[in-house]
Amino acid sequence: MEKRKLENLGIETSLLGFGCMRFPTKDGHIEEVEAEQMLDLAYKSGVNYIDTAWPYHGGESETFVGKVMKKYPRESFYLATKLPLWEVHSLDDAKRIFNKQLEKLQTDYIDFYLCHAFNGQRFDEVVSLGILDWLDELKAEGKIRYIGFSFHDSYEVFERIITYRKWDFCQIQYNYMDTNDQAGDKGYALAEKLNVPLVIMESIRGGELASFAPDVEQMFKAVRPEKSIASWALRWLGTKPQIKVILSGMSSLPQVEDNLNTFENFEVLNEKELATVDEVVKEIRSRRKVGCTGCRYCMPCPAGVVIPHIFGLWNKLGMYGNQERSTRSYKQVKPEETADNCMKCGACEGVCPQHLSIRDLLEQAHTELLG
C-alpha cells in the first residue's frame, strides 16, 4: 500500500483514504454486511485513513464506522470526522456535537478533526464563536490530534482561511477536471508553499471520472489498457507530492478492489500519461452542450426557471455521458423551476453576455435531460 509521510506531523498515512459517505444501502440504510466487508478488506490491505462525518448516511456513518473499527487496535488507523458548522450556533453546540461524535465512534479521541465545508461566512462565524481556540484546547487535552478544515468556496476565500493560522492539514475538492474550481491548482500551490498537507475529496468527481463515452475511454486504454478509468484520476492526484491522502467514497467491493490494485502497485503518471490526461480533459470540455459561464446575468427568470443550473446539468450530460445520473439530477429540480416553465419572454437573452439563444436551448436541454 502506497504511503505518504506528513513531515510536519511526524506520521505516515496510506495514500488511499476510505471515504465513508457512499456505503452500499438497502431500504435507505447502510447495507452493513457488505459495507463491513469493504472496510475490513481496505484495512487489512493497509488503508489506515478512515474519513466519516456527522451527516453522512443520515447520521448513520459515524455509528457504523465506530462499530466496525472497534475490533481493530485504535492506534493502527487514523480516524477523521468533521464538525457540522451549519448546526453550530454557539460554542455549546460544538461541544455537544463533539462529545456525541466520540460516543458514536466509540473512541476517546479523533485523529483528524475538520471544520466541515468552510466558506467565507462559516469561517467568520467559527472565528467569532471562539471555536478555533476551543479546538486548540481539545488538542492540548489529547481529544483531537490534528486540526483542519474542508473547503467549498473561491480561491480568494481559501487563501484567507489557510493563511489565518497554522493548520495541521486541510481537505479540498480537486481532480483533473476541477483545476480551476474552488481552491484548484492555485490552492494546491499555496498549500505546498505553506507545507500544509492536503487531503483530497471528489477525487473521481462522485464517479463521473470512472467512466466515459467509449471513444474517450479508448484514449486512456490506448496508453495503458490494463488500467481502470478511475485509476487515472487517482494516479493524477498521487503524482502531486503535497497530496497525502486521496479519499475515495467507495460503494461496492469491486470498487474497493480496483482502488487497492491502484495503490498497492502505485505508479505516478509519466510524461506521456500526463499528456494523455490533458488530451482527455480537452476532449471532455469540447463536449459541453452550451457555452454558459454561470454568470447569472439571466437571473432571476420571470418564469422561475433556474437557467444556469439546468445548463450546468446539461453540460455534464454532454461531457460525461451519464444519462441516468443527469436525468436523476434534473428530476431533483423543483417542478416550478424546470425548463418547461419557460414563457419564451426572451428577457434572459437580452442580458446574456454570451448571446445564447436561451429559449431554444432550454427546450433542447429539457428533452435531453429527461432522456
Protein backbone atom coordinates (compact mmCIF):
# COMPACT_ATOMS: atom_id res chain seq x y z
CA MET A 1 0.00 0.00 0.00
CA GLU A 2 1.39 3.38 -1.04
CA LYS A 3 2.11 5.57 2.00
CA ARG A 4 2.87 9.27 2.36
CA LYS A 5 4.80 11.00 5.12
CA LEU A 6 3.27 14.06 6.72
CA GLU A 7 6.57 15.54 7.83
CA ASN A 8 5.02 18.37 9.82
CA LEU A 9 3.00 15.86 11.89
CA GLY A 10 5.59 13.10 12.10
CA ILE A 11 3.22 10.42 10.83
CA GLU A 12 2.60 8.33 7.72
CA THR A 13 -0.79 7.73 6.12
CA SER A 14 -1.98 5.46 3.35
CA LEU A 15 -2.33 7.49 0.17
CA LEU A 16 -5.76 5.91 -0.32
CA GLY A 17 -8.28 7.03 2.27
CA PHE A 18 -11.64 5.34 2.76
CA GLY A 19 -14.43 7.90 2.39
CA CYS A 20 -17.44 6.71 4.37
CA MET A 21 -20.21 8.66 2.66
CA ARG A 22 -21.18 6.25 -0.11
CA PHE A 23 -21.54 2.83 1.51
CA PRO A 24 -23.98 0.45 -0.23
CA THR A 25 -27.51 0.90 1.07
CA LYS A 26 -30.68 -1.11 1.44
CA ASP A 27 -34.07 0.41 2.22
CA GLY A 28 -32.41 3.77 2.86
CA HIS A 29 -29.88 2.47 5.41
CA ILE A 30 -26.29 1.22 5.22
CA GLU A 31 -26.12 -2.36 4.00
CA GLU A 32 -23.92 -3.33 6.91
CA VAL A 33 -22.73 -6.78 5.85
CA GLU A 34 -21.21 -5.65 2.55
CA ALA A 35 -20.04 -2.32 3.98
CA GLU A 36 -18.19 -4.09 6.78
CA GLN A 37 -16.54 -6.42 4.27
CA MET A 38 -15.40 -3.35 2.36
CA LEU A 39 -13.89 -1.66 5.40
CA ASP A 40 -12.27 -4.92 6.53
CA LEU A 41 -10.68 -5.52 3.14
CA ALA A 42 -9.36 -1.97 2.92
CA TYR A 43 -7.95 -2.01 6.46
CA LYS A 44 -6.31 -5.42 6.07
CA SER A 45 -4.77 -4.21 2.81
CA GLY A 46 -3.10 -1.26 4.50
CA VAL A 47 -5.61 1.58 4.29
CA ASN A 48 -5.19 3.42 7.58
CA TYR A 49 -7.14 6.67 6.98
CA ILE A 50 -10.89 6.41 7.59
CA ASP A 51 -12.96 9.51 6.86
CA THR A 52 -16.54 9.98 8.05
CA ALA A 53 -18.75 12.90 9.10
CA TRP A 54 -21.79 13.82 11.17
CA PRO A 55 -24.30 13.98 8.26
CA TYR A 56 -23.11 11.02 6.16
CA HIS A 57 -25.82 8.41 5.57
CA GLY A 58 -28.32 10.45 7.54
CA GLY A 59 -26.13 10.32 10.63
CA GLU A 60 -25.52 6.55 10.47
CA SER A 61 -21.96 6.61 9.11
CA GLU A 62 -20.14 7.58 12.31
CA THR A 63 -22.02 4.98 14.34
CA PHE A 64 -21.34 2.25 11.78
CA VAL A 65 -17.66 3.15 11.42
CA GLY A 66 -17.26 3.19 15.20
CA LYS A 67 -18.78 -0.27 15.49
CA VAL A 68 -16.69 -1.83 12.68
CA MET A 69 -13.35 -0.23 13.58
CA LYS A 70 -13.74 -1.04 17.29
CA LYS A 71 -12.39 -4.55 16.59
CA TYR A 72 -9.04 -3.17 15.46
CA PRO A 73 -6.31 -1.61 17.65
CA ARG A 74 -7.14 2.10 17.90
CA GLU A 75 -3.55 3.15 17.27
CA SER A 76 -3.45 1.18 14.00
CA PHE A 77 -5.55 3.64 11.97
CA TYR A 78 -6.34 7.33 11.68
CA LEU A 79 -9.93 8.40 12.19
CA ALA A 80 -11.22 11.61 10.60
CA THR A 81 -14.57 13.27 11.19
CA LYS A 82 -15.97 16.76 10.99
CA LEU A 83 -17.80 19.44 12.96
CA PRO A 84 -21.07 20.21 11.07
CA LEU A 85 -20.84 24.00 11.06
CA TRP A 86 -24.42 24.51 9.80
CA GLU A 87 -25.64 23.05 13.10
CA VAL A 88 -23.30 25.10 15.27
CA HIS A 89 -24.71 28.39 16.54
CA SER A 90 -22.80 28.53 19.81
CA LEU A 91 -19.73 27.03 21.42
CA ASP A 92 -22.05 24.83 23.49
CA ASP A 93 -23.48 23.38 20.25
CA ALA A 94 -19.96 22.47 19.12
CA LYS A 95 -19.13 20.83 22.44
CA ARG A 96 -22.36 18.83 22.48
CA ILE A 97 -21.83 17.55 18.93
CA PHE A 98 -18.18 16.66 19.52
CA ASN A 99 -18.99 14.63 22.64
CA LYS A 100 -21.74 12.83 20.74
CA GLN A 101 -19.28 12.04 17.94
CA LEU A 102 -16.86 10.45 20.41
CA GLU A 103 -19.76 8.32 21.67
CA LYS A 104 -20.90 7.29 18.18
CA LEU A 105 -17.35 6.46 17.08
CA GLN A 106 -16.63 4.58 20.34
CA THR A 107 -13.33 6.35 20.82
CA ASP A 108 -11.61 8.69 23.26
CA TYR A 109 -10.05 10.87 20.58
CA ILE A 110 -10.27 11.89 16.93
CA ASP A 111 -7.08 11.91 14.87
CA PHE A 112 -8.09 14.36 12.13
CA TYR A 113 -10.87 16.78 13.13
CA LEU A 114 -12.18 19.14 10.48
CA CYS A 115 -14.37 22.21 10.39
CA HIS A 116 -16.80 20.88 7.79
CA ALA A 117 -17.34 22.70 4.48
CA PHE A 118 -15.77 26.07 5.22
CA ASN A 119 -16.87 29.01 3.13
CA GLY A 120 -16.28 32.64 3.91
CA GLN A 121 -19.38 33.10 6.06
CA ARG A 122 -18.91 29.91 8.07
CA PHE A 123 -15.27 30.73 8.69
CA ASP A 124 -16.17 34.15 10.09
CA GLU A 125 -18.78 32.54 12.35
CA VAL A 126 -16.30 29.95 13.64
CA VAL A 127 -13.79 32.66 14.49
CA SER A 128 -16.40 34.84 16.22
CA LEU A 129 -17.68 31.91 18.33
CA GLY A 130 -14.18 31.06 19.57
CA ILE A 131 -14.35 27.55 18.12
CA LEU A 132 -10.75 27.55 16.90
CA ASP A 133 -9.50 28.36 20.41
CA TRP A 134 -11.67 25.53 21.76
CA LEU A 135 -10.21 23.12 19.17
CA ASP A 136 -6.74 24.09 20.36
CA GLU A 137 -7.82 23.21 23.90
CA LEU A 138 -9.11 19.81 22.75
CA LYS A 139 -5.79 19.20 21.03
CA ALA A 140 -3.88 20.07 24.20
CA GLU A 141 -6.10 17.62 26.10
CA GLY A 142 -5.43 14.85 23.56
CA LYS A 143 -9.04 14.59 22.44
CA ILE A 144 -8.09 15.53 18.91
CA ARG A 145 -4.65 15.19 17.36
CA TYR A 146 -4.78 17.37 14.26
CA ILE A 147 -6.93 20.38 13.37
CA GLY A 148 -8.01 21.06 9.80
CA PHE A 149 -10.88 22.09 7.57
CA SER A 150 -12.69 21.01 4.44
CA PHE A 151 -13.44 23.68 1.89
CA HIS A 152 -16.03 24.77 -0.68
CA ASP A 153 -15.64 28.35 -1.89
CA SER A 154 -13.44 30.51 -4.10
CA TYR A 155 -9.64 30.56 -4.15
CA GLU A 156 -9.64 34.01 -2.56
CA VAL A 157 -11.55 32.68 0.45
CA PHE A 158 -9.26 29.65 0.61
CA GLU A 159 -6.21 31.92 0.74
CA ARG A 160 -7.74 33.92 3.58
CA ILE A 161 -8.53 30.80 5.61
CA ILE A 162 -5.33 28.82 5.08
CA THR A 163 -3.13 31.81 5.97
CA TYR A 164 -5.20 32.74 9.05
CA ARG A 165 -3.40 30.31 11.36
CA LYS A 166 -1.12 27.30 11.32
CA TRP A 167 -3.32 24.40 10.22
CA ASP A 168 -2.24 20.78 10.62
CA PHE A 169 -3.90 19.82 7.30
CA CYS A 170 -6.76 20.76 5.01
CA GLN A 171 -9.15 18.98 2.67
CA ILE A 172 -10.13 20.29 -0.77
CA GLN A 173 -12.11 19.17 -3.79
CA TYR A 174 -9.56 18.54 -6.54
CA ASN A 175 -9.27 16.40 -9.65
CA TYR A 176 -8.04 16.77 -13.21
CA MET A 177 -11.34 18.33 -14.33
CA ASP A 178 -11.59 20.87 -11.47
CA THR A 179 -8.17 22.51 -11.60
CA ASN A 180 -9.69 25.99 -11.85
CA ASP A 181 -12.64 25.47 -9.49
CA GLN A 182 -12.72 26.30 -5.78
CA ALA A 183 -9.16 26.05 -4.38
CA GLY A 184 -7.91 24.42 -7.57
CA ASP A 185 -4.33 24.50 -8.83
CA LYS A 186 -3.66 27.82 -7.09
CA GLY A 187 -4.85 26.38 -3.79
CA TYR A 188 -2.63 23.34 -4.23
CA ALA A 189 0.38 25.57 -4.88
CA LEU A 190 -0.34 27.70 -1.82
CA ALA A 191 -0.74 24.65 0.44
CA GLU A 192 2.56 23.34 -0.90
CA LYS A 193 4.26 26.68 -0.21
CA LEU A 194 2.90 26.72 3.36
CA ASN A 195 3.61 22.99 3.82
CA VAL A 196 0.01 22.22 4.77
CA PRO A 197 -0.71 18.53 3.97
CA LEU A 198 -3.62 18.05 1.60
CA VAL A 199 -6.42 15.52 1.84
CA ILE A 200 -8.39 15.29 -1.40
CA MET A 201 -12.13 14.77 -1.78
CA GLU A 202 -14.12 14.33 -5.00
CA SER A 203 -11.07 12.63 -6.49
CA ILE A 204 -13.26 10.82 -9.03
CA ARG A 205 -15.91 13.57 -9.04
CA GLY A 206 -18.59 11.41 -7.45
CA GLY A 207 -17.97 8.67 -10.03
CA GLU A 208 -18.01 10.92 -13.11
CA LEU A 209 -14.32 10.24 -13.80
CA ALA A 210 -14.76 6.46 -13.58
CA SER A 211 -16.42 6.03 -16.96
CA PHE A 212 -16.82 8.00 -20.18
CA ALA A 213 -18.10 7.53 -23.69
CA PRO A 214 -16.26 4.60 -25.35
CA ASP A 215 -14.16 6.80 -27.63
CA VAL A 216 -12.90 8.86 -24.66
CA GLU A 217 -12.10 5.74 -22.66
CA GLN A 218 -10.13 4.45 -25.63
CA MET A 219 -7.80 7.46 -25.28
CA PHE A 220 -6.77 6.06 -21.90
CA LYS A 221 -6.86 2.40 -22.94
CA ALA A 222 -4.57 3.04 -25.89
CA VAL A 223 -1.83 4.05 -23.44
CA ARG A 224 -2.45 1.69 -20.51
CA PRO A 225 -5.06 -0.91 -21.45
CA GLU A 226 -4.73 -2.75 -18.14
CA LYS A 227 -5.58 0.29 -16.00
CA SER A 228 -9.15 1.17 -14.98
CA ILE A 229 -10.52 4.56 -15.99
CA ALA A 230 -10.89 5.56 -12.32
CA SER A 231 -7.23 4.79 -11.64
CA TRP A 232 -6.13 7.61 -13.95
CA ALA A 233 -7.83 10.20 -11.73
CA LEU A 234 -6.28 8.72 -8.59
CA ARG A 235 -2.80 8.45 -10.09
CA TRP A 236 -3.01 12.03 -11.42
CA LEU A 237 -3.54 13.22 -7.86
CA GLY A 238 -0.88 10.92 -6.46
CA THR A 239 1.66 12.47 -8.81
CA LYS A 240 1.48 15.64 -6.67
CA PRO A 241 3.71 15.36 -3.57
CA GLN A 242 1.75 17.69 -1.27
CA ILE A 243 -1.26 15.37 -1.51
CA LYS A 244 -1.01 12.94 1.40
CA VAL A 245 -4.45 11.26 1.34
CA ILE A 246 -6.78 10.71 -1.62
CA LEU A 247 -10.27 9.93 -0.41
CA SER A 248 -12.49 7.61 -2.40
CA GLY A 249 -16.13 7.19 -1.42
CA MET A 250 -16.37 3.53 -2.35
CA SER A 251 -19.80 1.95 -2.64
CA SER A 252 -19.07 -1.68 -3.59
CA LEU A 253 -16.46 -4.39 -3.08
CA PRO A 254 -15.31 -4.24 -6.72
CA GLN A 255 -14.59 -0.52 -6.27
CA VAL A 256 -12.51 -1.27 -3.19
CA GLU A 257 -10.64 -3.98 -5.06
CA ASP A 258 -9.95 -1.72 -8.04
CA ASN A 259 -8.65 1.08 -5.81
CA LEU A 260 -6.47 -1.33 -3.84
CA ASN A 261 -4.98 -2.55 -7.09
CA THR A 262 -4.14 1.05 -7.98
CA PHE A 263 -2.47 1.86 -4.68
CA GLU A 264 -0.80 -1.47 -3.95
CA ASN A 265 1.06 -1.19 -7.26
CA PHE A 266 1.19 2.58 -7.33
CA GLU A 267 2.81 4.44 -10.19
CA VAL A 268 2.87 8.19 -10.65
CA LEU A 269 1.87 9.32 -14.14
CA ASN A 270 4.75 9.63 -16.57
CA GLU A 271 5.01 12.46 -19.12
CA LYS A 272 3.09 10.56 -21.79
CA GLU A 273 0.31 9.72 -19.36
CA LEU A 274 0.08 13.31 -18.11
CA ALA A 275 -0.22 14.45 -21.72
CA THR A 276 -2.97 11.88 -22.25
CA VAL A 277 -4.93 13.30 -19.30
CA ASP A 278 -4.60 16.78 -20.80
CA GLU A 279 -5.94 15.49 -24.12
CA VAL A 280 -8.87 13.80 -22.41
CA VAL A 281 -9.72 16.97 -20.48
CA LYS A 282 -9.76 19.00 -23.71
CA GLU A 283 -11.96 16.41 -25.39
CA ILE A 284 -14.42 16.25 -22.49
CA ARG A 285 -14.70 20.02 -22.26
CA SER A 286 -15.29 20.23 -26.00
CA ARG A 287 -18.48 18.20 -25.46
CA ARG A 288 -20.19 20.86 -23.40
CA LYS A 289 -23.68 21.42 -24.73
CA VAL A 290 -23.85 25.16 -24.17
CA GLY A 291 -21.36 27.96 -23.56
CA CYS A 292 -22.98 29.10 -20.32
CA THR A 293 -20.42 30.53 -17.88
CA GLY A 294 -22.78 30.57 -14.89
CA CYS A 295 -22.57 34.37 -14.60
CA ARG A 296 -26.28 34.52 -13.63
CA TYR A 297 -26.99 37.70 -15.58
CA CYS A 298 -30.13 35.88 -16.76
CA MET A 299 -31.41 35.51 -13.21
CA PRO A 300 -33.92 35.81 -11.75
CA CYS A 301 -36.01 34.36 -14.54
CA PRO A 302 -39.56 35.83 -14.63
CA ALA A 303 -40.91 32.29 -15.01
CA GLY A 304 -38.77 30.90 -12.18
CA VAL A 305 -36.56 28.69 -14.36
CA VAL A 306 -33.12 28.04 -12.83
CA ILE A 307 -31.35 28.63 -16.12
CA PRO A 308 -27.65 28.33 -15.12
CA HIS A 309 -28.29 25.21 -13.04
CA ILE A 310 -30.13 23.49 -15.89
CA PHE A 311 -27.39 24.36 -18.35
CA GLY A 312 -24.84 23.03 -15.87
CA LEU A 313 -26.65 19.68 -15.73
CA TRP A 314 -26.92 19.60 -19.50
CA ASN A 315 -23.22 20.28 -19.90
CA LYS A 316 -22.41 17.42 -17.52
CA LEU A 317 -24.55 15.13 -19.65
CA GLY A 318 -22.58 16.11 -22.73
CA MET A 319 -19.18 15.89 -21.06
CA TYR A 320 -19.55 12.68 -19.09
CA GLY A 321 -22.30 10.92 -21.00
CA ASN A 322 -24.08 9.62 -17.91
CA GLN A 323 -27.75 9.78 -18.86
CA GLU A 324 -29.05 8.07 -15.72
CA ARG A 325 -27.19 10.42 -13.36
CA SER A 326 -28.15 13.51 -15.37
CA THR A 327 -31.82 12.57 -15.53
CA ARG A 328 -31.88 11.83 -11.81
CA SER A 329 -30.29 15.21 -11.04
CA TYR A 330 -32.74 17.04 -13.30
CA LYS A 331 -35.72 15.36 -11.67
CA GLN A 332 -34.48 16.76 -8.35
CA VAL A 333 -35.04 20.31 -9.62
CA LYS A 334 -38.25 21.79 -8.23
CA PRO A 335 -41.12 21.29 -10.74
CA GLU A 336 -41.74 25.03 -10.89
CA GLU A 337 -38.08 25.68 -11.81
CA THR A 338 -37.57 23.23 -14.70
CA ALA A 339 -37.01 24.32 -18.29
CA ASP A 340 -40.55 23.55 -19.46
CA ASN A 341 -41.76 26.51 -17.39
CA CYS A 342 -40.06 28.90 -19.85
CA MET A 343 -42.59 31.51 -21.11
CA LYS A 344 -40.40 32.39 -24.13
CA CYS A 345 -40.37 36.01 -22.99
CA GLY A 346 -36.75 36.49 -24.05
CA ALA A 347 -35.74 38.64 -21.07
CA CYS A 348 -32.75 36.36 -20.45
CA GLU A 349 -31.43 36.64 -23.98
CA GLY A 350 -31.33 40.42 -23.78
CA VAL A 351 -28.82 40.35 -20.91
CA CYS A 352 -26.77 37.21 -21.70
CA PRO A 353 -23.10 38.22 -22.25
CA GLN A 354 -22.62 35.09 -24.38
CA HIS A 355 -25.62 35.97 -26.60
CA LEU A 356 -27.04 32.49 -26.18
CA SER A 357 -30.39 31.51 -27.70
CA ILE A 358 -31.57 30.57 -24.23
CA ARG A 359 -35.21 29.88 -25.09
CA ASP A 360 -34.40 27.29 -27.74
CA LEU A 361 -31.54 25.83 -25.68
CA LEU A 362 -33.78 25.36 -22.63
CA GLU A 363 -36.26 23.40 -24.73
CA GLN A 364 -33.48 21.18 -26.05
CA ALA A 365 -31.96 20.75 -22.58
CA HIS A 366 -35.31 19.69 -21.11
CA THR A 367 -35.78 17.00 -23.76
CA GLU A 368 -32.24 15.60 -23.48
CA LEU A 369 -32.07 15.68 -19.69
CA LEU A 370 -35.24 13.63 -19.45
CA GLY A 371 -33.66 11.13 -21.84
